[in-house]
Amino acid sequence: MPWAPIVIAEDHCKGCELCVTACPKHVLALDRSRINVLGYHPVELTDAAACTSCAFCARVCPDAVFTVWAAPREELQR
């Protein structure tokens, strides 16, 4: 599995879009092609390479669906 800056617990997302608005890099969007077990369109990461792991999404999420990871050291040295 490739490294990703954030992991989203999609089944807990209620599609409020607070994270989409808070993201300074605009790399989050609702996946309007899917519906989760709660009946909402879950958020998805649209561009992992552009994500800076700033965690603004995690800070504003009322349902704590985000786990944010820092980039591996070899990624930071590039």
PDB file of N, CA and C in Angstrom:
ATOM      1  N   MET A   1       0.845  -1.177   0.000  1.00  0.00           N
ATOM      2  CA  MET A   1       0.000   0.000   0.000  1.00  0.00           C
ATOM      3  C   MET A   1       0.894   1.246   0.000  1.00  0.00           C
ATOM      4  N   PRO A   2       0.680   2.161  -0.926  1.00  0.00           N
ATOM      5  CA  PRO A   2       1.503   3.367  -0.977  1.00  0.00           C
ATOM      6  C   PRO A   2       1.222   4.293   0.205  1.00  0.00           C
ATOM      7  N   TRP A   3       2.226   5.093   0.557  1.00  0.00           N
ATOM      8  CA  TRP A   3       2.078   6.037   1.658  1.00  0.00           C
ATOM      9  C   TRP A   3       1.054   7.100   1.288  1.00  0.00           C
ATOM     10  N   ALA A   4       0.238   7.509   2.273  1.00  0.00           N
ATOM     11  CA  ALA A   4      -0.733   8.587   2.083  1.00  0.00           C
ATOM     12  C   ALA A   4      -0.627   9.532   3.275  1.00  0.00           C
ATOM     13  N   PRO A   5      -0.743  10.841   3.045  1.00  0.00           N
ATOM     14  CA  PRO A   5      -0.602  11.801   4.135  1.00  0.00           C
ATOM     15  C   PRO A   5      -1.760  11.773   5.129  1.00  0.00           C
ATOM     16  N   ILE A   6      -2.911  11.343   4.676  1.00  0.00           N
ATOM     17  CA  ILE A   6      -4.055  11.220   5.588  1.00  0.00           C
ATOM     18  C   ILE A   6      -4.802   9.924   5.319  1.00  0.00           C
ATOM     19  N   VAL A   7      -5.410   9.403   6.364  1.00  0.00           N
ATOM     20  CA  VAL A   7      -6.282   8.242   6.255  1.00  0.00           C
ATOM     21  C   VAL A   7      -7.662   8.719   6.689  1.00  0.00           C
ATOM     22  N   ILE A   8      -8.670   8.400   5.901  1.00  0.00           N
ATOM     23  CA  ILE A   8     -10.027   8.871   6.165  1.00  0.00           C
ATOM     24  C   ILE A   8     -10.909   7.684   6.533  1.00  0.00           C
ATOM     25  N   ALA A   9     -11.560   7.777   7.688  1.00  0.00           N
ATOM     26  CA  ALA A   9     -12.527   6.758   8.101  1.00  0.00           C
ATOM     27  C   ALA A   9     -13.851   7.096   7.404  1.00  0.00           C
ATOM     28  N   GLU A  10     -13.949   6.709   6.152  1.00  0.00           N
ATOM     29  CA  GLU A  10     -15.065   7.120   5.304  1.00  0.00           C
ATOM     30  C   GLU A  10     -16.431   6.726   5.844  1.00  0.00           C
ATOM     31  N   ASP A  11     -16.508   5.611   6.544  1.00  0.00           N
ATOM     32  CA  ASP A  11     -17.804   5.164   7.058  1.00  0.00           C
ATOM     33  C   ASP A  11     -18.331   6.035   8.193  1.00  0.00           C
ATOM     34  N   HIS A  12     -17.482   6.910   8.737  1.00  0.00           N
ATOM     35  CA  HIS A  12     -17.918   7.807   9.807  1.00  0.00           C
ATOM     36  C   HIS A  12     -18.155   9.234   9.317  1.00  0.00           C
ATOM     37  N   CYS A  13     -17.837   9.512   8.066  1.00  0.00           N
ATOM     38  CA  CYS A  13     -17.968  10.848   7.489  1.00  0.00           C
ATOM     39  C   CYS A  13     -19.426  11.154   7.194  1.00  0.00           C
ATOM     40  N   LYS A  14     -19.882  12.339   7.611  1.00  0.00           N
ATOM     41  CA  LYS A  14     -21.258  12.743   7.330  1.00  0.00           C
ATOM     42  C   LYS A  14     -21.343  13.794   6.229  1.00  0.00           C
ATOM     43  N   GLY A  15     -20.253  14.027   5.535  1.00  0.00           N
ATOM     44  CA  GLY A  15     -20.257  14.895   4.370  1.00  0.00           C
ATOM     45  C   GLY A  15     -20.552  16.353   4.659  1.00  0.00           C
ATOM     46  N   CYS A  16     -20.125  16.856   5.796  1.00  0.00           N
ATOM     47  CA  CYS A  16     -20.428  18.240   6.179  1.00  0.00           C
ATOM     48  C   CYS A  16     -19.604  19.265   5.401  1.00  0.00           C
ATOM     49  N   GLU A  17     -18.500  18.830   4.799  1.00  0.00           N
ATOM     50  CA  GLU A  17     -17.604  19.652   3.992  1.00  0.00           C
ATOM     51  C   GLU A  17     -16.814  20.702   4.768  1.00  0.00           C
ATOM     52  N   LEU A  18     -16.789  20.632   6.091  1.00  0.00           N
ATOM     53  CA  LEU A  18     -15.961  21.566   6.861  1.00  0.00           C
ATOM     54  C   LEU A  18     -14.490  21.387   6.507  1.00  0.00           C
ATOM     55  N   CYS A  19     -14.065  20.155   6.315  1.00  0.00           N
ATOM     56  CA  CYS A  19     -12.674  19.876   5.965  1.00  0.00           C
ATOM     57  C   CYS A  19     -12.339  20.380   4.566  1.00  0.00           C
ATOM     58  N   VAL A  20     -13.277  20.260   3.656  1.00  0.00           N
ATOM     59  CA  VAL A  20     -13.066  20.729   2.285  1.00  0.00           C
ATOM     60  C   VAL A  20     -12.805  22.231   2.289  1.00  0.00           C
ATOM     61  N   THR A  21     -13.578  22.954   3.084  1.00  0.00           N
ATOM     62  CA  THR A  21     -13.424  24.406   3.194  1.00  0.00           C
ATOM     63  C   THR A  21     -12.130  24.781   3.906  1.00  0.00           C
ATOM     64  N   ALA A  22     -11.734  24.007   4.908  1.00  0.00           N
ATOM     65  CA  ALA A  22     -10.552  24.324   5.711  1.00  0.00           C
ATOM     66  C   ALA A  22      -9.233  23.996   5.015  1.00  0.00           C
ATOM     67  N   CYS A  23      -9.242  23.132   4.037  1.00  0.00           N
ATOM     68  CA  CYS A  23      -8.005  22.683   3.394  1.00  0.00           C
ATOM     69  C   CYS A  23      -7.361  23.810   2.584  1.00  0.00           C
ATOM     70  N   PRO A  24      -6.151  24.250   2.980  1.00  0.00           N
ATOM     71  CA  PRO A  24      -5.507  25.344   2.253  1.00  0.00           C
ATOM     72  C   PRO A  24      -4.993  24.943   0.869  1.00  0.00           C
ATOM     73  N   LYS A  25      -4.798  23.656   0.641  1.00  0.00           N
ATOM     74  CA  LYS A  25      -4.301  23.173  -0.645  1.00  0.00           C
ATOM     75  C   LYS A  25      -5.422  22.697  -1.573  1.00  0.00           C
ATOM     76  N   HIS A  26      -6.653  22.698  -1.081  1.00  0.00           N
ATOM     77  CA  HIS A  26      -7.825  22.303  -1.874  1.00  0.00           C
ATOM     78  C   HIS A  26      -7.679  20.901  -2.462  1.00  0.00           C
ATOM     79  N   VAL A  27      -7.260  19.960  -1.601  1.00  0.00           N
ATOM     80  CA  VAL A  27      -7.066  18.581  -2.060  1.00  0.00           C
ATOM     81  C   VAL A  27      -8.112  17.619  -1.492  1.00  0.00           C
ATOM     82  N   LEU A  28      -9.164  18.156  -0.887  1.00  0.00           N
ATOM     83  CA  LEU A  28     -10.261  17.334  -0.375  1.00  0.00           C
ATOM     84  C   LEU A  28     -11.544  17.692  -1.113  1.00  0.00           C
ATOM     85  N   ALA A  29     -12.360  16.684  -1.365  1.00  0.00           N
ATOM     86  CA  ALA A  29     -13.649  16.896  -2.021  1.00  0.00           C
ATOM     87  C   ALA A  29     -14.584  15.760  -1.633  1.00  0.00           C
ATOM     88  N   LEU A  30     -15.874  16.005  -1.713  1.00  0.00           N
ATOM     89  CA  LEU A  30     -16.822  14.927  -1.481  1.00  0.00           C
ATOM     90  C   LEU A  30     -16.836  14.024  -2.699  1.00  0.00           C
ATOM     91  N   ASP A  31     -16.882  12.738  -2.458  1.00  0.00           N
ATOM     92  CA  ASP A  31     -16.959  11.754  -3.542  1.00  0.00           C
ATOM     93  C   ASP A  31     -18.438  11.546  -3.853  1.00  0.00           C
ATOM     94  N   ARG A  32     -18.935  12.280  -4.796  1.00  0.00           N
ATOM     95  CA  ARG A  32     -20.358  12.248  -5.139  1.00  0.00           C
ATOM     96  C   ARG A  32     -20.764  10.969  -5.884  1.00  0.00           C
ATOM     97  N   SER A  33     -19.799  10.107  -6.182  1.00  0.00           N
ATOM     98  CA  SER A  33     -20.114   8.848  -6.866  1.00  0.00           C
ATOM     99  C   SER A  33     -20.396   7.708  -5.884  1.00  0.00           C
ATOM    100  N   ARG A  34     -20.147   7.950  -4.593  1.00  0.00           N
ATOM    101  CA  ARG A  34     -20.344   6.901  -3.586  1.00  0.00           C
ATOM    102  C   ARG A  34     -21.160   7.421  -2.410  1.00  0.00           C
ATOM    103  N   ILE A  35     -21.777   6.505  -1.699  1.00  0.00           N
ATOM    104  CA  ILE A  35     -22.499   6.811  -0.468  1.00  0.00           C
ATOM    105  C   ILE A  35     -21.997   5.839   0.592  1.00  0.00           C
ATOM    106  N   ASN A  36     -21.672   6.362   1.786  1.00  0.00           N
ATOM    107  CA  ASN A  36     -21.158   5.495   2.847  1.00  0.00           C
ATOM    108  C   ASN A  36     -22.303   4.834   3.615  1.00  0.00           C
ATOM    109  N   VAL A  37     -21.971   4.088   4.655  1.00  0.00           N
ATOM    110  CA  VAL A  37     -22.987   3.349   5.416  1.00  0.00           C
ATOM    111  C   VAL A  37     -23.958   4.269   6.155  1.00  0.00           C
ATOM    112  N   LEU A  38     -23.564   5.524   6.368  1.00  0.00           N
ATOM    113  CA  LEU A  38     -24.458   6.480   7.024  1.00  0.00           C
ATOM    114  C   LEU A  38     -25.401   7.160   6.032  1.00  0.00           C
ATOM    115  N   GLY A  39     -25.160   6.933   4.736  1.00  0.00           N
ATOM    116  CA  GLY A  39     -26.003   7.524   3.708  1.00  0.00           C
ATOM    117  C   GLY A  39     -25.497   8.861   3.182  1.00  0.00           C
ATOM    118  N   TYR A  40     -24.240   9.179   3.423  1.00  0.00           N
ATOM    119  CA  TYR A  40     -23.645  10.441   2.985  1.00  0.00           C
ATOM    120  C   TYR A  40     -22.559  10.202   1.945  1.00  0.00           C
ATOM    121  N   HIS A  41     -22.257  11.240   1.179  1.00  0.00           N
ATOM    122  CA  HIS A  41     -21.107  11.207   0.288  1.00  0.00           C
ATOM    123  C   HIS A  41     -19.873  11.461   1.151  1.00  0.00           C
ATOM    124  N   PRO A  42     -18.930  10.528   1.204  1.00  0.00           N
ATOM    125  CA  PRO A  42     -17.738  10.720   2.049  1.00  0.00           C
ATOM    126  C   PRO A  42     -16.719  11.636   1.386  1.00  0.00           C
ATOM    127  N   VAL A  43     -15.872  12.215   2.199  1.00  0.00           N
ATOM    128  CA  VAL A  43     -14.789  13.039   1.690  1.00  0.00           C
ATOM    129  C   VAL A  43     -13.689  12.135   1.152  1.00  0.00           C
ATOM    130  N   GLU A  44     -12.954  12.634   0.163  1.00  0.00           N
ATOM    131  CA  GLU A  44     -11.820  11.896  -0.388  1.00  0.00           C
ATOM    132  C   GLU A  44     -10.653  12.838  -0.615  1.00  0.00           C
ATOM    133  N   LEU A  45      -9.469  12.281  -0.577  1.00  0.00           N
ATOM    134  CA  LEU A  45      -8.248  13.019  -0.875  1.00  0.00           C
ATOM    135  C   LEU A  45      -8.047  12.950  -2.385  1.00  0.00           C
ATOM    136  N   THR A  46      -8.033  14.103  -3.045  1.00  0.00           N
ATOM    137  CA  THR A  46      -7.948  14.123  -4.503  1.00  0.00           C
ATOM    138  C   THR A  46      -6.530  14.214  -5.032  1.00  0.00           C
ATOM    139  N   ASP A  47      -5.589  14.706  -4.221  1.00  0.00           N
ATOM    140  CA  ASP A  47      -4.203  14.844  -4.672  1.00  0.00           C
ATOM    141  C   ASP A  47      -3.264  14.646  -3.483  1.00  0.00           C
ATOM    142  N   ALA A  48      -2.864  13.425  -3.248  1.00  0.00           N
ATOM    143  CA  ALA A  48      -2.016  13.105  -2.090  1.00  0.00           C
ATOM    144  C   ALA A  48      -0.673  13.817  -2.149  1.00  0.00           C
ATOM    145  N   ALA A  49      -0.120  14.004  -3.328  1.00  0.00           N
ATOM    146  CA  ALA A  49       1.183  14.646  -3.462  1.00  0.00           C
ATOM    147  C   ALA A  49       1.146  16.118  -3.045  1.00  0.00           C
ATOM    148  N   ALA A  50       0.004  16.758  -3.188  1.00  0.00           N
ATOM    149  CA  ALA A  50      -0.120  18.181  -2.834  1.00  0.00           C
ATOM    150  C   ALA A  50      -0.462  18.394  -1.359  1.00  0.00           C
ATOM    151  N   CYS A  51      -0.867  17.349  -0.667  1.00  0.00           N
ATOM    152  CA  CYS A  51      -1.219  17.451   0.755  1.00  0.00           C
ATOM    153  C   CYS A  51       0.045  17.673   1.587  1.00  0.00           C
ATOM    154  N   THR A  52       0.007  18.651   2.492  1.00  0.00           N
ATOM    155  CA  THR A  52       1.168  18.976   3.322  1.00  0.00           C
ATOM    156  C   THR A  52       1.062  18.418   4.742  1.00  0.00           C
ATOM    157  N   SER A  53       0.035  17.650   5.039  1.00  0.00           N
ATOM    158  CA  SER A  53      -0.209  17.092   6.379  1.00  0.00           C
ATOM    159  C   SER A  53      -0.371  18.191   7.428  1.00  0.00           C
ATOM    160  N   CYS A  54      -0.986  19.300   7.058  1.00  0.00           N
ATOM    161  CA  CYS A  54      -1.158  20.424   7.976  1.00  0.00           C
ATOM    162  C   CYS A  54      -2.168  20.118   9.084  1.00  0.00           C
ATOM    163  N   ALA A  55      -3.046  19.161   8.847  1.00  0.00           N
ATOM    164  CA  ALA A  55      -4.049  18.695   9.812  1.00  0.00           C
ATOM    165  C   ALA A  55      -5.191  19.680  10.054  1.00  0.00           C
ATOM    166  N   PHE A  56      -5.352  20.681   9.196  1.00  0.00           N
ATOM    167  CA  PHE A  56      -6.514  21.563   9.336  1.00  0.00           C
ATOM    168  C   PHE A  56      -7.808  20.763   9.202  1.00  0.00           C
ATOM    169  N   CYS A  57      -7.805  19.783   8.323  1.00  0.00           N
ATOM    170  CA  CYS A  57      -8.990  18.944   8.128  1.00  0.00           C
ATOM    171  C   CYS A  57      -9.364  18.220   9.417  1.00  0.00           C
ATOM    172  N   ALA A  58      -8.363  17.668  10.082  1.00  0.00           N
ATOM    173  CA  ALA A  58      -8.601  16.930  11.325  1.00  0.00           C
ATOM    174  C   ALA A  58      -9.079  17.843  12.444  1.00  0.00           C
ATOM    175  N   ARG A  59      -8.588  19.063  12.457  1.00  0.00           N
ATOM    176  CA  ARG A  59      -8.969  20.011  13.511  1.00  0.00           C
ATOM    177  C   ARG A  59     -10.421  20.440  13.413  1.00  0.00           C
ATOM    178  N   VAL A  60     -10.940  20.580  12.201  1.00  0.00           N
ATOM    179  CA  VAL A  60     -12.316  21.062  12.053  1.00  0.00           C
ATOM    180  C   VAL A  60     -13.346  19.938  11.979  1.00  0.00           C
ATOM    181  N   CYS A  61     -12.918  18.710  11.795  1.00  0.00           N
ATOM    182  CA  CYS A  61     -13.858  17.593  11.621  1.00  0.00           C
ATOM    183  C   CYS A  61     -14.569  17.247  12.926  1.00  0.00           C
ATOM    184  N   PRO A  62     -15.895  17.378  12.962  1.00  0.00           N
ATOM    185  CA  PRO A  62     -16.628  17.066  14.183  1.00  0.00           C
ATOM    186  C   PRO A  62     -16.712  15.569  14.481  1.00  0.00           C
ATOM    187  N   ASP A  63     -16.390  14.740  13.505  1.00  0.00           N
ATOM    188  CA  ASP A  63     -16.501  13.293  13.681  1.00  0.00           C
ATOM    189  C   ASP A  63     -15.161  12.579  13.734  1.00  0.00           C
ATOM    190  N   ALA A  64     -14.073  13.332  13.763  1.00  0.00           N
ATOM    191  CA  ALA A  64     -12.716  12.780  13.887  1.00  0.00           C
ATOM    192  C   ALA A  64     -12.453  11.653  12.893  1.00  0.00           C
ATOM    193  N   VAL A  65     -12.718  11.904  11.618  1.00  0.00           N
ATOM    194  CA  VAL A  65     -12.519  10.870  10.605  1.00  0.00           C
ATOM    195  C   VAL A  65     -11.106  10.832  10.035  1.00  0.00           C
ATOM    196  N   PHE A  66     -10.257  11.801  10.390  1.00  0.00           N
ATOM    197  CA  PHE A  66      -8.928  11.896   9.802  1.00  0.00           C
ATOM    198  C   PHE A  66      -7.831  11.417  10.738  1.00  0.00           C
ATOM    199  N   THR A  67      -6.895  10.667  10.177  1.00  0.00           N
ATOM    200  CA  THR A  67      -5.621  10.369  10.809  1.00  0.00           C
ATOM    201  C   THR A  67      -4.579  10.994   9.896  1.00  0.00           C
ATOM    202  N   VAL A  68      -3.777  11.894  10.440  1.00  0.00           N
ATOM    203  CA  VAL A  68      -2.812  12.639   9.629  1.00  0.00           C
ATOM    204  C   VAL A  68      -1.412  12.120   9.920  1.00  0.00           C
ATOM    205  N   TRP A  69      -0.659  11.890   8.852  1.00  0.00           N
ATOM    206  CA  TRP A  69       0.700  11.369   8.949  1.00  0.00           C
ATOM    207  C   TRP A  69       1.677  12.371   8.339  1.00  0.00           C
ATOM    208  N   ALA A  70       2.814  12.525   8.940  1.00  0.00           N
ATOM    209  CA  ALA A  70       3.882  13.338   8.362  1.00  0.00           C
ATOM    210  C   ALA A  70       4.541  12.561   7.234  1.00  0.00           C
ATOM    211  N   ALA A  71       5.132  13.274   6.317  1.00  0.00           N
ATOM    212  CA  ALA A  71       5.816  12.625   5.198  1.00  0.00           C
ATOM    213  C   ALA A  71       7.013  11.834   5.703  1.00  0.00           C
ATOM    214  N   PRO A  72       7.307  10.694   5.080  1.00  0.00           N
ATOM    215  CA  PRO A  72       8.513   9.936   5.457  1.00  0.00           C
ATOM    216  C   PRO A  72       9.758  10.794   5.261  1.00  0.00           C
ATOM    217  N   ARG A  73      10.772  10.535   6.030  1.00  0.00           N
ATOM    218  CA  ARG A  73      11.991  11.351   5.980  1.00  0.00           C
ATOM    219  C   ARG A  73      12.582  11.448   4.577  1.00  0.00           C
ATOM    220  N   GLU A  74      12.578  10.360   3.832  1.00  0.00           N
ATOM    221  CA  GLU A  74      13.151  10.421   2.488  1.00  0.00           C
ATOM    222  C   GLU A  74      12.333  11.331   1.576  1.00  0.00           C
ATOM    223  N   GLU A  75      11.039  11.468   1.823  1.00  0.00           N
ATOM    224  CA  GLU A  75      10.209  12.398   1.055  1.00  0.00           C
ATOM    225  C   GLU A  75      10.552  13.840   1.406  1.00  0.00           C
ATOM    226  N   LEU A  76      10.844  14.109   2.674  1.00  0.00           N
ATOM    227  CA  LEU A  76      11.144  15.452   3.121  1.00  0.00           C
ATOM    228  C   LEU A  76      12.477  15.948   2.583  1.00  0.00           C
ATOM    229  N   GLN A  77      13.415  15.054   2.310  1.00  0.00           N
ATOM    230  CA  GLN A  77      14.746  15.443   1.872  1.00  0.00           C
ATOM    231  C   GLN A  77      14.815  15.745   0.377  1.00  0.00           C
ATOM    232  N   ARG A  78      13.755  15.532  -0.357  1.00  0.00           N
ATOM    233  CA  ARG A  78      13.769  15.782  -1.802  1.00  0.00           C
ATOM    234  C   ARG A  78      13.647  17.234  -2.126  1.00  0.00           C
TER     235      ARG A  78
END
